Amino acid sequence: MRETRLWSWHLLVIPIIIVLLGLHFAIMHYAPVFYGVSVEEARNFEAMIERGKSVAQLVLYILLLAAALYHGLYGLRGIIRELPMTPALGKIVDITVICVGLFIFAFGTYVTWWTFSYPVGG
């Protein structure tokens, strides 16, 4: 039952990733259209930091990070668990994947929060 629930979540995050990634592309790569600036101005560090100050951007990035990490690491776990191994080694794989995922999520959230709170202009 647990594996069925985890697999269902794995499939559920696919449309979530598609929507959030689409929003990310629209905001980041079509900035000249949405913000009325040149491509060079949109790629400028200060402009990126300014866009990152939006609460919506913060939420979008953290949700995208969580969904992509879950989907990717659950898939990696599934590939590794298909190898012949003892139940104890399988448990070690599970714990390692969870720890790596939590570390990457914490670091990604920290970087996103840093961008959100970074003072514009230096």
C-alpha atoms as a PDB file:
ATOM      1  CA  MET A   1       0.000   0.000   0.000  1.00  0.00           C
ATOM      2  CA  ARG A   2       2.832   2.402   0.863  1.00  0.00           C
ATOM      3  CA  GLU A   3       4.562   1.825  -2.487  1.00  0.00           C
ATOM      4  CA  THR A   4       1.287   2.434  -4.337  1.00  0.00           C
ATOM      5  CA  ARG A   5       0.858   5.764  -2.545  1.00  0.00           C
ATOM      6  CA  LEU A   6       4.461   6.809  -3.261  1.00  0.00           C
ATOM      7  CA  TRP A   7       4.073   5.808  -6.938  1.00  0.00           C
ATOM      8  CA  SER A   8       0.805   7.784  -7.151  1.00  0.00           C
ATOM      9  CA  TRP A   9       2.555  10.880  -5.785  1.00  0.00           C
ATOM     10  CA  HIS A  10       5.373  10.275  -8.280  1.00  0.00           C
ATOM     11  CA  LEU A  11       2.826  10.429 -11.109  1.00  0.00           C
ATOM     12  CA  LEU A  12       0.872  13.312  -9.567  1.00  0.00           C
ATOM     13  CA  VAL A  13       3.875  15.634  -9.526  1.00  0.00           C
ATOM     14  CA  ILE A  14       4.344  15.321 -13.311  1.00  0.00           C
ATOM     15  CA  PRO A  15       1.555  17.789 -14.212  1.00  0.00           C
ATOM     16  CA  ILE A  16       2.587  19.986 -11.275  1.00  0.00           C
ATOM     17  CA  ILE A  17       6.143  20.141 -12.658  1.00  0.00           C
ATOM     18  CA  ILE A  18       4.832  20.908 -16.148  1.00  0.00           C
ATOM     19  CA  VAL A  19       2.714  23.814 -14.893  1.00  0.00           C
ATOM     20  CA  LEU A  20       5.393  25.246 -12.579  1.00  0.00           C
ATOM     21  CA  LEU A  21       8.146  24.844 -15.169  1.00  0.00           C
ATOM     22  CA  GLY A  22       5.909  26.524 -17.744  1.00  0.00           C
ATOM     23  CA  LEU A  23       5.400  29.442 -15.376  1.00  0.00           C
ATOM     24  CA  HIS A  24       9.139  29.608 -14.730  1.00  0.00           C
ATOM     25  CA  PHE A  25       9.915  29.683 -18.465  1.00  0.00           C
ATOM     26  CA  ALA A  26       7.257  32.300 -19.078  1.00  0.00           C
ATOM     27  CA  ILE A  27       8.550  34.564 -16.325  1.00  0.00           C
ATOM     28  CA  MET A  28      12.283  34.093 -16.887  1.00  0.00           C
ATOM     29  CA  HIS A  29      12.587  33.638 -20.636  1.00  0.00           C
ATOM     30  CA  TYR A  30       9.793  35.859 -21.852  1.00  0.00           C
ATOM     31  CA  ALA A  31      10.612  38.755 -19.522  1.00  0.00           C
ATOM     32  CA  PRO A  32      10.930  41.186 -22.454  1.00  0.00           C
ATOM     33  CA  VAL A  33       7.303  40.450 -23.355  1.00  0.00           C
ATOM     34  CA  PHE A  34       5.944  40.617 -19.780  1.00  0.00           C
ATOM     35  CA  TYR A  35       8.106  43.401 -18.379  1.00  0.00           C
ATOM     36  CA  GLY A  36       8.698  45.469 -21.520  1.00  0.00           C
ATOM     37  CA  VAL A  37      12.487  45.405 -21.237  1.00  0.00           C
ATOM     38  CA  SER A  38      15.246  44.310 -23.591  1.00  0.00           C
ATOM     39  CA  VAL A  39      16.711  40.816 -23.388  1.00  0.00           C
ATOM     40  CA  GLU A  40      19.975  42.229 -22.022  1.00  0.00           C
ATOM     41  CA  GLU A  41      18.129  44.104 -19.273  1.00  0.00           C
ATOM     42  CA  ALA A  42      16.135  40.982 -18.392  1.00  0.00           C
ATOM     43  CA  ARG A  43      19.348  38.937 -17.975  1.00  0.00           C
ATOM     44  CA  ASN A  44      20.940  41.565 -15.743  1.00  0.00           C
ATOM     45  CA  PHE A  45      21.743  40.373 -12.165  1.00  0.00           C
ATOM     46  CA  GLU A  46      19.806  43.185 -10.507  1.00  0.00           C
ATOM     47  CA  ALA A  47      16.730  42.440 -12.647  1.00  0.00           C
ATOM     48  CA  MET A  48      16.921  38.770 -11.685  1.00  0.00           C
ATOM     49  CA  ILE A  49      17.196  39.671  -7.991  1.00  0.00           C
ATOM     50  CA  GLU A  50      14.258  42.088  -8.357  1.00  0.00           C
ATOM     51  CA  ARG A  51      12.093  39.357  -9.918  1.00  0.00           C
ATOM     52  CA  GLY A  52      13.183  37.030  -7.122  1.00  0.00           C
ATOM     53  CA  LYS A  53      11.766  39.426  -4.525  1.00  0.00           C
ATOM     54  CA  SER A  54       8.229  38.474  -5.461  1.00  0.00           C
ATOM     55  CA  VAL A  55       6.490  36.186  -2.954  1.00  0.00           C
ATOM     56  CA  ALA A  56       4.892  34.389  -5.913  1.00  0.00           C
ATOM     57  CA  GLN A  57       8.374  33.664  -7.329  1.00  0.00           C
ATOM     58  CA  LEU A  58       9.542  32.382  -3.943  1.00  0.00           C
ATOM     59  CA  VAL A  59       6.592  30.017  -3.676  1.00  0.00           C
ATOM     60  CA  LEU A  60       6.909  28.936  -7.331  1.00  0.00           C
ATOM     61  CA  TYR A  61      10.602  28.082  -6.943  1.00  0.00           C
ATOM     62  CA  ILE A  62      10.182  26.165  -3.697  1.00  0.00           C
ATOM     63  CA  LEU A  63       7.221  24.179  -5.033  1.00  0.00           C
ATOM     64  CA  LEU A  64       9.093  23.439  -8.269  1.00  0.00           C
ATOM     65  CA  LEU A  65      12.142  22.349  -6.279  1.00  0.00           C
ATOM     66  CA  ALA A  66      10.066  20.050  -4.058  1.00  0.00           C
ATOM     67  CA  ALA A  67       8.132  18.489  -6.943  1.00  0.00           C
ATOM     68  CA  ALA A  68      11.197  17.970  -9.139  1.00  0.00           C
ATOM     69  CA  LEU A  69      13.253  16.559  -6.267  1.00  0.00           C
ATOM     70  CA  TYR A  70      10.535  14.116  -5.264  1.00  0.00           C
ATOM     71  CA  HIS A  71       9.966  12.971  -8.834  1.00  0.00           C
ATOM     72  CA  GLY A  72      13.655  12.621  -9.657  1.00  0.00           C
ATOM     73  CA  LEU A  73      14.793  11.012  -6.423  1.00  0.00           C
ATOM     74  CA  TYR A  74      11.858   8.596  -6.280  1.00  0.00           C
ATOM     75  CA  GLY A  75      12.709   7.543  -9.842  1.00  0.00           C
ATOM     76  CA  LEU A  76      16.395   7.137  -8.929  1.00  0.00           C
ATOM     77  CA  ARG A  77      15.422   5.122  -5.855  1.00  0.00           C
ATOM     78  CA  GLY A  78      13.265   2.875  -8.026  1.00  0.00           C
ATOM     79  CA  ILE A  79      16.110   2.247 -10.463  1.00  0.00           C
ATOM     80  CA  ILE A  80      18.556   1.438  -7.650  1.00  0.00           C
ATOM     81  CA  ARG A  81      16.038  -0.773  -5.820  1.00  0.00           C
ATOM     82  CA  GLU A  82      15.607  -2.923  -8.937  1.00  0.00           C
ATOM     83  CA  LEU A  83      19.167  -4.138  -8.464  1.00  0.00           C
ATOM     84  CA  PRO A  84      19.521  -7.348  -6.473  1.00  0.00           C
ATOM     85  CA  MET A  85      20.045  -6.389  -2.818  1.00  0.00           C
ATOM     86  CA  THR A  86      19.213  -7.446   0.682  1.00  0.00           C
ATOM     87  CA  PRO A  87      16.328  -5.785   2.532  1.00  0.00           C
ATOM     88  CA  ALA A  88      18.860  -4.085   4.832  1.00  0.00           C
ATOM     89  CA  LEU A  89      20.690  -2.587   1.859  1.00  0.00           C
ATOM     90  CA  GLY A  90      17.346  -1.494   0.409  1.00  0.00           C
ATOM     91  CA  LYS A  91      16.614   0.337   3.647  1.00  0.00           C
ATOM     92  CA  ILE A  92      20.023   2.054   3.451  1.00  0.00           C
ATOM     93  CA  VAL A  93      19.229   3.159  -0.108  1.00  0.00           C
ATOM     94  CA  ASP A  94      15.880   4.573   1.049  1.00  0.00           C
ATOM     95  CA  ILE A  95      17.442   6.475   3.952  1.00  0.00           C
ATOM     96  CA  THR A  96      20.268   7.794   1.756  1.00  0.00           C
ATOM     97  CA  VAL A  97      17.843   9.056  -0.899  1.00  0.00           C
ATOM     98  CA  ILE A  98      15.723  10.769   1.774  1.00  0.00           C
ATOM     99  CA  CYS A  99      18.772  12.413   3.383  1.00  0.00           C
ATOM    100  CA  VAL A 100      20.165  13.597   0.036  1.00  0.00           C
ATOM    101  CA  GLY A 101      16.734  14.936  -0.923  1.00  0.00           C
ATOM    102  CA  LEU A 102      16.321  16.809   2.353  1.00  0.00           C
ATOM    103  CA  PHE A 103      19.813  18.300   2.041  1.00  0.00           C
ATOM    104  CA  ILE A 104      19.226  19.472  -1.542  1.00  0.00           C
ATOM    105  CA  PHE A 105      15.787  20.841  -0.616  1.00  0.00           C
ATOM    106  CA  ALA A 106      17.200  22.720   2.389  1.00  0.00           C
ATOM    107  CA  PHE A 107      20.061  24.161   0.332  1.00  0.00           C
ATOM    108  CA  GLY A 108      17.745  25.118  -2.562  1.00  0.00           C
ATOM    109  CA  THR A 109      15.283  26.740  -0.180  1.00  0.00           C
ATOM    110  CA  TYR A 110      18.122  28.654   1.490  1.00  0.00           C
ATOM    111  CA  VAL A 111      19.389  29.954  -1.859  1.00  0.00           C
ATOM    112  CA  THR A 112      15.858  30.913  -2.917  1.00  0.00           C
ATOM    113  CA  TRP A 113      15.250  32.697   0.394  1.00  0.00           C
ATOM    114  CA  TRP A 114      18.644  34.445   0.073  1.00  0.00           C
ATOM    115  CA  THR A 115      17.605  35.752  -3.353  1.00  0.00           C
ATOM    116  CA  PHE A 116      14.251  36.856  -1.905  1.00  0.00           C
ATOM    117  CA  SER A 117      15.937  38.810   0.912  1.00  0.00           C
ATOM    118  CA  TYR A 118      18.993  40.039  -1.049  1.00  0.00           C
ATOM    119  CA  PRO A 119      19.225  43.847  -1.046  1.00  0.00           C
ATOM    120  CA  VAL A 120      18.909  45.196  -4.589  1.00  0.00           C
ATOM    121  CA  GLY A 121      21.964  47.174  -5.589  1.00  0.00           C
ATOM    122  CA  GLY A 122      24.441  45.210  -3.542  1.00  0.00           C
END
